[in-house]
Each structure stands twice: as C-alpha cells, then as structure tokens.
Amino acid sequence: MSERVANTEAVKSGDRPTVTAGVEVLAGTGGRKGLGRLWPFLGPAFVASVAYVDPGNYATNIEGGARLGYTLLWVILASNVMAMFVQALSAKLGIATRKNLAELCREHCPRRLVWTMWALMEVVAMATDLAEFLGPHWACTCLRHAAVGRGGRDGGRDLRHPRPGPIRFPPLEAVITVLVGVIAVCYLAELGMAGPDWGQAASSLAPPRFGGGEGLTLAVGILGATVMPHVIYLHSALTQGRIVTRDSGQLKRLFHYEVLDVVLAMGVAGAINAAMLIMAAARLQGHMDPSQDTIEQAHRTLEPLLGKAASTLFALSLLASGLSSSAVGTMSGQVIMQGFLRRKVPVWVRRLATMAPAMVVIAAGLDPTRTLVLSQVVLSFGLPLAVIRWCSSRPGGG
C-alpha cells in the first residue's frame, strides 16, 4: 500500500489514474483483464516512435523508393528490428536504475568525456532539428497555407513546445499517439491508392542488396533516420519514474509490459516507413527529376498519378510528423542537457542554436532533401556512441 501511495502522490493529478492502474496490475489487483492490463503501460514507446517517422524518414524512404524501387525495403525491416531491441534496452535501463542514460553517463564517466559526449549529442541534435524544422516548412508549402518563408517560421514556433519541466506522460502520450495515428492512416490510404507490386516487394527482401554507391548512402541514412540516438536517451527518461516498484517480480512484469509497448509502437513505425518506401517505389520511380527536391516533387507528382486526395494526405502526414517530432526533440534535448550538465538552458537558446543549420539550408537554396539525407547519415554515426554508453552504464555493465 505504501508503494502505491508513493507512486500516486509523486505524480501530478492528471497522471495519477494511469499510475494507479499500473500499480494495481503489477500487484495483481484491480480486476483488469486482457488488453485492459496492458493499457496503463502503453505510451513511452509511442512517444519514442515519433522519431522513427519524422521528416527525416520521409526524405530517406521516399528518395530510396523513387530512385531504387523496392531495393532498400530490407534495410527498413532490419533497422526496425534493431530499433525494437535498442528501445527495449533503454526502457529497461530506466526501470532498473530509476535514472536515464544521460544521468548515468555523468555518474560513471570522467568529466572530460562527459563534456565530449554532450558536445557530440548537440551535433546529433542539430542533425535531428533539420528534419524537425524542414518538416512543417515542407508541409505548409505543400498545403499552400503559407509562403515558403512563413512555413519555416511556423516550424520554429512549433519547436518551442513543450516548455522545460517534468515530463508529463498520459496527456502528452495521448496527443503524440494521435499524431502517429494520423500518419499511419494517411499512409494506409496512400498505399491502397498506389497498388504496389507485392511480389516484387517481397523478392527485394532477400538476398539483401544496396543497388550501388547511392544505395549504400541511402541505406546508412535510413538507419540513422530509423534508430535515432536522441530517443535512446529519452526513452530511459520516460520509464525511469513512470511506475516505480521495488519488488523484483513486479519489476520483471513491468519490463514485460514495456517490451510489449515497444513492439507495438515500433511495429507501427516500421509499417509506416515500409509504406513510404513501397508507395514511392510503386508510383514515383521513373517520375522524379534527380536535380530537384525529392519531397516537393513527390507532393506534385502524386496528384496526377493518384489524384488530389493522395497529395493532400501526403502533406497532412508530413505536417503531423513535423509537429510531433518537434515536441519529442524538445524533450530529448531537455533530458540530455539536464542529464549530462545538470543545467537548464532556455528553450529558445537551444532551438536557435540547433535550428541554425536548417536556416542556412533554406537561405542558401540547397537541396533540402539531399541535405536531410546526409544529416541522417550523421545520425547513424552518432548511434554507436549512445549504444556503447548504454552497455557500460547498465547495471552490471563493464
């Protein structure tokens, strides 16, 4: 009973019903059955999954499908399996230690190394913010609700939320899960309109191939866009104090439910990514000009091929992706900054610094999609650092 009180009184009133239900399920009380037992534990992985369907995924998946057809579909599936494994480990770290990855890095690493890792993660944040900033920019341009310059400013305004402070889970998780659902529905509809060659898609899975040097670059970009370093830190923070228990049996059951959360969330994200590439391979291959921006071309090309509804769905899904990934990026930056440095920096300062590369891309007239693909390649090189630090920071890790 005392543990239940500690759980429910340590959180805000709006979160208390979720925590109370979770504690009752772990203790075997409350009378919940079937999916009702899983419901209180769903959410953290869905928040993390937003990073797996952000505008960076649009760039890599659509360019991969439009340029190479179904060739790189196997990369998406392999990356998604890896994502499930890594995010499950991140959730386990938060549950077992009640600390997030950034906090453990600070505790177990020399001060100089901590500053180095923080600096590298800020570089990763800049690469991530390219996607978060350009997503609303593209979507507003595609929907013709704003001029190009205003689209960029709208993206920047979206990135300022949520404000620093404790991460509240149920309301935030609900909003972000709805946005992920919007993306999923849009792509399910587009996939139905595209009428892909499922036999050819299946045959591309084995044997694995890259389709040349361009395919190798896109494959690395797909990996970086799928398994993103910043949400490894975030996921451990989302589970570290969500539902607290000291009983070893309940800890095992809690991790079991969090694994189910990961499998469901990452399964949805993987299906969306696969749908992006399959749609692009089915309808955009052979219709794209290599010298022009792939994302805006995709929007323009879909209308004559599949009708106005398809191009509108594409833009709406991109807008939902940009808005949700903005919030998740802000939370991740908060966790990394506070964990590594134990300091708070005004959100507008962080965002001004990390949005600078995106502003340069727009001002210089660079190809946004190509630049974004290369930024996802940078993220793939940041991934080993986060995973290696997890291995050395986990309980019993060497």
Protein backbone atom coordinates (compact mmCIF):
# COMPACT_ATOMS: atom_id res chain seq x y z
CA MET A 1 0.00 0.00 0.00
CA SER A 2 2.82 2.43 0.86
CA GLU A 3 4.40 1.85 -2.54
CA ARG A 4 1.10 2.60 -4.23
CA VAL A 5 0.83 5.84 -2.30
CA ALA A 6 4.39 6.79 -3.25
CA ASN A 7 3.59 6.17 -6.89
CA THR A 8 0.37 8.13 -6.97
CA GLU A 9 1.41 11.06 -4.80
CA ALA A 10 4.69 11.62 -6.64
CA VAL A 11 2.92 12.49 -9.88
CA LYS A 12 0.55 15.19 -10.98
CA SER A 13 -3.16 14.62 -10.53
CA GLY A 14 -3.75 14.21 -14.26
CA ASP A 15 -1.28 11.31 -14.36
CA ARG A 16 -2.45 9.60 -11.19
CA PRO A 17 -5.12 7.30 -12.71
CA THR A 18 -2.57 5.79 -15.12
CA VAL A 19 -0.05 5.19 -12.35
CA THR A 20 -2.69 3.75 -10.00
CA ALA A 21 -3.92 1.36 -12.69
CA GLY A 22 -0.36 0.27 -13.48
CA VAL A 23 0.46 -0.41 -9.83
CA GLU A 24 -2.74 -2.45 -9.45
CA VAL A 25 -1.90 -4.58 -12.49
CA LEU A 26 1.62 -5.27 -11.23
CA ALA A 27 0.25 -6.19 -7.79
CA GLY A 28 -2.43 -8.45 -9.31
CA THR A 29 -5.33 -6.37 -8.02
CA GLY A 30 -7.93 -4.16 -9.68
CA GLY A 31 -9.61 -6.89 -11.72
CA ARG A 32 -8.27 -5.78 -15.13
CA LYS A 33 -8.17 -8.45 -17.84
CA GLY A 34 -6.87 -8.82 -21.40
CA LEU A 35 -5.85 -5.58 -23.10
CA GLY A 36 -7.00 -3.67 -20.03
CA ARG A 37 -3.91 -4.95 -18.22
CA LEU A 38 -1.62 -3.60 -20.94
CA TRP A 39 -3.29 -0.21 -21.33
CA PRO A 40 -1.63 1.61 -18.35
CA PHE A 41 1.82 0.74 -19.69
CA LEU A 42 1.35 1.95 -23.25
CA GLY A 43 2.81 5.33 -24.14
CA PRO A 44 6.58 5.75 -23.64
CA ALA A 45 7.48 3.74 -26.73
CA PHE A 46 4.85 5.56 -28.80
CA VAL A 47 6.48 8.86 -27.82
CA ALA A 48 9.87 7.48 -28.84
CA SER A 49 8.43 6.05 -32.07
CA VAL A 50 7.74 9.57 -33.35
CA ALA A 51 11.46 9.91 -34.07
CA TYR A 52 11.12 6.85 -36.31
CA VAL A 53 8.56 8.54 -38.56
CA ASP A 54 9.89 12.11 -38.58
CA PRO A 55 10.51 14.13 -41.78
CA GLY A 56 14.00 12.60 -42.00
CA ASN A 57 12.33 9.24 -42.65
CA TYR A 58 10.24 10.85 -45.38
CA ALA A 59 13.41 12.08 -47.09
CA THR A 60 15.33 8.80 -46.93
CA ASN A 61 12.39 6.45 -47.61
CA ILE A 62 10.88 8.42 -50.48
CA GLU A 63 14.22 9.10 -52.12
CA GLY A 64 15.17 5.44 -51.69
CA GLY A 65 11.91 4.21 -53.23
CA ALA A 66 11.87 6.79 -56.03
CA ARG A 67 15.49 6.17 -57.03
CA LEU A 68 15.95 2.43 -56.34
CA GLY A 69 12.45 0.96 -56.19
CA TYR A 70 11.95 -1.77 -53.58
CA THR A 71 15.69 -2.49 -53.25
CA LEU A 72 16.15 -0.99 -49.76
CA LEU A 73 12.97 -2.34 -48.19
CA TRP A 74 15.08 -4.89 -46.30
CA VAL A 75 17.07 -2.06 -44.69
CA ILE A 76 13.86 -0.63 -43.19
CA LEU A 77 12.87 -4.01 -41.76
CA ALA A 78 16.35 -4.71 -40.34
CA SER A 79 16.56 -1.20 -38.86
CA ASN A 80 13.16 -1.64 -37.25
CA VAL A 81 14.17 -4.89 -35.56
CA MET A 82 17.28 -3.13 -34.26
CA ALA A 83 15.10 -0.24 -33.05
CA MET A 84 12.90 -2.62 -31.04
CA PHE A 85 15.95 -4.15 -29.38
CA VAL A 86 17.64 -0.84 -28.53
CA GLN A 87 14.47 0.86 -27.26
CA ALA A 88 13.64 -2.15 -25.08
CA LEU A 89 17.11 -1.89 -23.54
CA SER A 90 16.62 1.83 -22.97
CA ALA A 91 13.29 1.22 -21.23
CA LYS A 92 14.90 -1.48 -19.10
CA LEU A 93 17.68 0.90 -18.03
CA GLY A 94 15.17 3.47 -16.78
CA ILE A 95 13.11 0.85 -14.94
CA ALA A 96 16.07 -0.89 -13.29
CA THR A 97 18.09 2.16 -12.24
CA ARG A 98 15.40 4.90 -12.00
CA LYS A 99 17.85 7.10 -13.87
CA ASN A 100 18.16 7.98 -17.53
CA LEU A 101 21.11 7.27 -19.78
CA ALA A 102 22.49 10.82 -19.68
CA GLU A 103 22.48 10.85 -15.86
CA LEU A 104 24.29 7.52 -15.71
CA CYS A 105 26.88 8.70 -18.23
CA ARG A 106 27.61 11.68 -15.99
CA GLU A 107 27.96 9.45 -12.92
CA HIS A 108 30.18 6.79 -14.47
CA CYS A 109 32.37 8.72 -16.92
CA PRO A 110 35.25 11.16 -16.43
CA ARG A 111 34.22 14.81 -16.57
CA ARG A 112 36.12 15.50 -19.80
CA LEU A 113 34.42 12.56 -21.51
CA VAL A 114 31.03 13.76 -20.27
CA TRP A 115 31.57 17.16 -21.90
CA THR A 116 32.72 15.46 -25.12
CA MET A 117 29.67 13.21 -25.24
CA TRP A 118 27.39 16.15 -24.58
CA ALA A 119 29.01 18.13 -27.40
CA LEU A 120 28.60 15.20 -29.80
CA MET A 121 24.96 14.82 -28.82
CA GLU A 122 24.42 18.50 -29.57
CA VAL A 123 25.77 17.85 -33.08
CA VAL A 124 23.28 15.00 -33.32
CA ALA A 125 20.56 17.40 -32.13
CA MET A 126 21.43 19.79 -34.95
CA ALA A 127 21.13 16.97 -37.49
CA THR A 128 17.81 15.96 -35.93
CA ASP A 129 16.48 19.52 -35.98
CA LEU A 130 16.98 19.71 -39.74
CA ALA A 131 14.14 17.21 -40.03
CA GLU A 132 12.01 18.82 -37.31
CA PHE A 133 12.38 22.27 -38.84
CA LEU A 134 12.02 21.35 -42.51
CA GLY A 135 9.00 19.08 -41.93
CA PRO A 136 6.49 21.85 -41.14
CA HIS A 137 8.22 24.02 -43.74
CA TRP A 138 7.58 21.41 -46.45
CA ALA A 139 4.07 20.61 -45.23
CA CYS A 140 2.95 24.25 -45.14
CA THR A 141 4.44 24.77 -48.60
CA CYS A 142 2.73 21.67 -49.98
CA LEU A 143 -0.63 22.61 -48.48
CA ARG A 144 -0.24 26.17 -49.81
CA HIS A 145 -1.44 27.58 -46.49
CA ALA A 146 1.68 29.68 -46.10
CA ALA A 147 4.53 31.09 -48.14
CA VAL A 148 7.92 29.37 -48.03
CA GLY A 149 9.40 31.81 -45.52
CA ARG A 150 6.38 31.70 -43.25
CA GLY A 151 6.44 27.90 -43.34
CA GLY A 152 9.95 27.98 -41.89
CA ARG A 153 8.88 30.38 -39.15
CA ASP A 154 5.89 28.21 -38.26
CA GLY A 155 8.24 25.25 -37.87
CA GLY A 156 10.43 27.23 -35.49
CA ARG A 157 7.42 28.26 -33.38
CA ASP A 158 6.31 24.63 -33.09
CA LEU A 159 9.74 23.67 -31.81
CA ARG A 160 9.40 25.78 -28.70
CA HIS A 161 6.94 23.40 -27.05
CA PRO A 162 6.76 21.81 -24.60
CA ARG A 163 8.49 24.13 -22.12
CA PRO A 164 11.18 22.78 -19.78
CA GLY A 165 9.99 20.96 -16.70
CA PRO A 166 8.94 17.49 -15.59
CA ILE A 167 7.75 15.31 -18.46
CA ARG A 168 4.05 14.52 -18.03
CA PHE A 169 3.16 11.29 -19.70
CA PRO A 170 -0.55 10.46 -20.22
CA PRO A 171 -1.72 13.75 -21.84
CA LEU A 172 1.44 14.12 -23.92
CA GLU A 173 1.46 10.44 -24.89
CA ALA A 174 -2.17 10.68 -25.98
CA VAL A 175 -1.55 13.68 -28.24
CA ILE A 176 1.57 12.20 -29.82
CA THR A 177 -0.08 8.79 -30.30
CA VAL A 178 -2.95 10.52 -32.12
CA LEU A 179 -0.45 12.26 -34.43
CA VAL A 180 1.28 8.93 -35.13
CA GLY A 181 -2.17 7.52 -35.89
CA VAL A 182 -2.79 10.34 -38.38
CA ILE A 183 0.45 9.47 -40.19
CA ALA A 184 -0.44 5.77 -40.20
CA VAL A 185 -3.95 6.35 -41.59
CA CYS A 186 -2.64 8.69 -44.29
CA TYR A 187 -0.10 6.17 -45.49
CA LEU A 188 -2.51 3.25 -45.28
CA ALA A 189 -4.81 5.20 -47.61
CA GLU A 190 -1.96 6.15 -49.95
CA LEU A 191 -0.72 2.56 -50.07
CA GLY A 192 -4.18 1.42 -51.11
CA MET A 193 -4.22 4.02 -53.89
CA ALA A 194 -0.71 3.16 -55.11
CA GLY A 195 -1.42 -0.53 -55.85
CA PRO A 196 2.18 -1.76 -55.40
CA ASP A 197 3.65 -4.99 -56.81
CA TRP A 198 3.71 -7.04 -53.60
CA GLY A 199 5.58 -9.91 -55.24
CA GLN A 200 8.41 -7.63 -56.30
CA ALA A 201 8.44 -6.03 -52.85
CA ALA A 202 8.77 -9.46 -51.19
CA SER A 203 11.54 -10.57 -53.55
CA SER A 204 13.60 -7.49 -52.64
CA LEU A 205 13.99 -8.71 -49.05
CA ALA A 206 16.41 -11.49 -49.94
CA PRO A 207 19.19 -11.50 -50.82
CA PRO A 208 19.95 -8.05 -49.34
CA ARG A 209 21.49 -5.59 -51.78
CA PHE A 210 22.21 -1.87 -51.95
CA GLY A 211 21.94 -1.03 -55.63
CA GLY A 212 25.31 0.74 -55.89
CA GLY A 213 27.05 3.58 -54.06
CA GLU A 214 23.95 5.78 -53.98
CA GLY A 215 22.01 2.92 -52.41
CA LEU A 216 24.66 2.49 -49.72
CA THR A 217 24.41 6.18 -48.78
CA LEU A 218 20.62 5.95 -48.65
CA ALA A 219 20.80 2.74 -46.58
CA VAL A 220 23.01 4.42 -43.97
CA GLY A 221 20.61 7.38 -44.00
CA ILE A 222 17.63 5.06 -43.45
CA LEU A 223 19.43 3.50 -40.47
CA GLY A 224 20.19 6.93 -38.99
CA ALA A 225 16.62 8.12 -39.59
CA THR A 226 15.17 4.99 -38.00
CA VAL A 227 17.31 4.27 -34.93
CA MET A 228 17.83 7.82 -33.68
CA PRO A 229 20.31 8.41 -30.83
CA HIS A 230 18.36 11.13 -29.02
CA VAL A 231 15.32 8.92 -28.31
CA ILE A 232 17.53 6.28 -26.70
CA TYR A 233 18.20 8.88 -24.01
CA LEU A 234 14.56 9.99 -23.96
CA HIS A 235 13.04 6.52 -23.59
CA SER A 236 15.09 5.79 -20.47
CA ALA A 237 13.85 9.10 -19.02
CA LEU A 238 10.21 8.28 -19.81
CA THR A 239 10.39 4.98 -17.90
CA GLN A 240 12.68 5.94 -15.00
CA GLY A 241 9.93 7.25 -12.74
CA ARG A 242 6.72 6.43 -14.55
CA ILE A 243 5.70 3.47 -12.40
CA VAL A 244 8.05 2.72 -9.51
CA THR A 245 8.26 -0.61 -7.70
CA ARG A 246 10.93 -2.26 -5.57
CA ASP A 247 9.59 -5.81 -5.84
CA SER A 248 11.73 -7.95 -8.18
CA GLY A 249 8.75 -9.89 -9.52
CA GLN A 250 6.84 -6.69 -10.27
CA LEU A 251 9.94 -5.21 -11.94
CA LYS A 252 10.04 -8.19 -14.31
CA ARG A 253 6.34 -7.84 -15.09
CA LEU A 254 6.79 -4.09 -15.62
CA PHE A 255 9.58 -4.69 -18.11
CA HIS A 256 7.47 -7.33 -19.85
CA TYR A 257 4.69 -4.78 -20.39
CA GLU A 258 7.16 -2.15 -21.58
CA VAL A 259 8.54 -4.64 -24.13
CA LEU A 260 5.01 -5.11 -25.46
CA ASP A 261 4.72 -1.30 -25.67
CA VAL A 262 7.96 -1.21 -27.68
CA VAL A 263 6.88 -3.99 -30.05
CA LEU A 264 3.52 -2.35 -30.75
CA ALA A 265 4.90 1.19 -31.19
CA MET A 266 7.92 0.22 -33.25
CA GLY A 267 5.80 -2.18 -35.28
CA VAL A 268 3.51 0.71 -36.27
CA ALA A 269 6.51 2.94 -37.03
CA GLY A 270 8.14 0.20 -39.11
CA ALA A 271 4.94 -0.34 -41.08
CA ILE A 272 4.72 3.39 -41.82
CA ASN A 273 8.32 3.50 -43.02
CA ALA A 274 7.81 0.45 -45.21
CA ALA A 275 4.63 2.00 -46.63
CA MET A 276 6.54 5.19 -47.50
CA LEU A 277 9.17 3.32 -49.48
CA ILE A 278 6.69 0.95 -51.14
CA MET A 279 4.45 3.84 -52.20
CA ALA A 280 7.43 5.73 -53.61
CA ALA A 281 8.68 2.64 -55.45
CA ALA A 282 5.24 1.89 -56.89
CA ARG A 283 4.31 5.37 -58.07
CA LEU A 284 7.31 7.69 -58.05
CA GLN A 285 10.11 5.61 -59.56
CA GLY A 286 10.87 6.94 -63.02
CA HIS A 287 8.84 10.11 -62.46
CA MET A 288 11.39 12.08 -60.42
CA ASP A 289 13.94 14.63 -61.62
CA PRO A 290 17.27 13.95 -59.81
CA SER A 291 18.15 17.66 -59.97
CA GLN A 292 15.07 18.77 -57.97
CA ASP A 293 13.96 18.44 -54.36
CA THR A 294 12.51 14.95 -53.85
CA ILE A 295 9.89 15.77 -51.17
CA GLU A 296 8.25 18.65 -53.03
CA GLN A 297 8.43 16.66 -56.26
CA ALA A 298 6.72 13.75 -54.53
CA HIS A 299 3.84 16.00 -53.49
CA ARG A 300 3.46 17.45 -57.00
CA THR A 301 3.82 14.09 -58.72
CA LEU A 302 1.30 12.23 -56.58
CA GLU A 303 -1.62 14.40 -57.68
CA PRO A 304 -1.57 13.47 -61.40
CA LEU A 305 -0.71 9.86 -60.57
CA LEU A 306 -3.15 9.15 -57.74
CA GLY A 307 -5.37 12.23 -57.51
CA LYS A 308 -5.57 15.30 -55.31
CA ALA A 309 -6.54 13.29 -52.22
CA ALA A 310 -3.20 11.45 -52.27
CA SER A 311 -1.13 14.62 -52.42
CA THR A 312 -3.20 16.17 -49.63
CA LEU A 313 -2.79 13.06 -47.44
CA PHE A 314 0.93 13.19 -48.07
CA ALA A 315 1.14 16.81 -46.90
CA LEU A 316 -1.07 16.21 -43.85
CA SER A 317 1.02 13.23 -42.74
CA LEU A 318 4.18 15.28 -43.17
CA LEU A 319 2.70 18.09 -41.06
CA ALA A 320 1.71 15.64 -38.29
CA SER A 321 5.21 14.17 -38.45
CA GLY A 322 6.89 17.56 -38.14
CA LEU A 323 4.71 18.73 -35.23
CA SER A 324 5.09 15.55 -33.19
CA SER A 325 8.83 15.19 -33.81
CA SER A 326 9.29 18.81 -32.72
CA ALA A 327 7.85 18.05 -29.28
CA VAL A 328 9.88 14.86 -28.92
CA GLY A 329 13.07 16.64 -30.00
CA THR A 330 12.49 19.31 -27.35
CA MET A 331 12.01 16.70 -24.63
CA SER A 332 15.11 14.79 -25.73
CA GLY A 333 17.21 17.95 -25.64
CA GLN A 334 15.92 18.68 -22.16
CA VAL A 335 16.84 15.18 -20.93
CA ILE A 336 20.32 15.28 -22.49
CA MET A 337 21.16 18.77 -21.24
CA GLN A 338 19.95 18.15 -17.67
CA GLY A 339 21.46 14.66 -17.50
CA PHE A 340 24.93 15.50 -18.79
CA LEU A 341 25.34 19.01 -17.37
CA ARG A 342 22.67 19.26 -14.64
CA ARG A 343 21.80 22.64 -16.05
CA LYS A 344 18.77 24.18 -17.68
CA VAL A 345 19.12 26.36 -20.74
CA PRO A 346 16.21 28.44 -22.09
CA VAL A 347 14.47 26.51 -24.84
CA TRP A 348 14.73 29.44 -27.26
CA VAL A 349 18.53 29.43 -26.87
CA ARG A 350 18.77 25.70 -27.57
CA ARG A 351 16.42 25.93 -30.52
CA LEU A 352 18.15 28.94 -32.02
CA ALA A 353 21.45 27.03 -31.94
CA THR A 354 20.13 23.72 -33.25
CA MET A 355 17.91 25.32 -35.92
CA ALA A 356 20.80 27.32 -37.38
CA PRO A 357 21.80 24.62 -39.92
CA ALA A 358 18.21 24.37 -41.21
CA MET A 359 18.04 28.14 -41.64
CA VAL A 360 21.30 28.02 -43.61
CA VAL A 361 19.92 25.28 -45.86
CA ILE A 362 16.81 27.33 -46.69
CA ALA A 363 18.68 30.64 -47.07
CA ALA A 364 21.40 29.14 -49.27
CA GLY A 365 18.89 27.42 -51.55
CA LEU A 366 20.44 23.97 -51.02
CA ASP A 367 18.51 20.83 -51.94
CA PRO A 368 16.65 20.22 -48.64
CA THR A 369 16.00 16.52 -49.24
CA ARG A 370 19.59 15.69 -50.16
CA THR A 371 20.89 17.71 -47.21
CA LEU A 372 18.43 15.96 -44.93
CA VAL A 373 19.51 12.52 -46.18
CA LEU A 374 23.13 13.40 -45.40
CA SER A 375 22.10 14.62 -41.93
CA GLN A 376 20.56 11.19 -41.27
CA VAL A 377 23.90 9.65 -42.24
CA VAL A 378 25.45 11.80 -39.48
CA LEU A 379 22.86 10.40 -37.06
CA SER A 380 23.86 6.84 -37.95
CA PHE A 381 27.40 7.63 -36.77
CA GLY A 382 26.05 9.06 -33.52
CA LEU A 383 24.17 5.84 -32.79
CA PRO A 384 27.17 3.71 -31.70
CA LEU A 385 28.11 6.30 -29.07
CA ALA A 386 24.69 6.08 -27.41
CA VAL A 387 24.60 2.27 -27.57
CA ILE A 388 28.15 1.85 -26.25
CA ARG A 389 27.41 4.17 -23.34
CA TRP A 390 24.28 2.14 -22.57
CA CYS A 391 26.37 -1.06 -22.41
CA SER A 392 28.84 0.48 -19.94
CA SER A 393 26.14 2.23 -17.86
CA ARG A 394 23.68 -0.63 -17.40
CA PRO A 395 23.56 -2.49 -14.09
CA GLY A 396 26.48 -4.91 -14.06
CA GLY A 397 27.92 -3.40 -17.24
CA GLY A 398 31.67 -3.27 -17.71
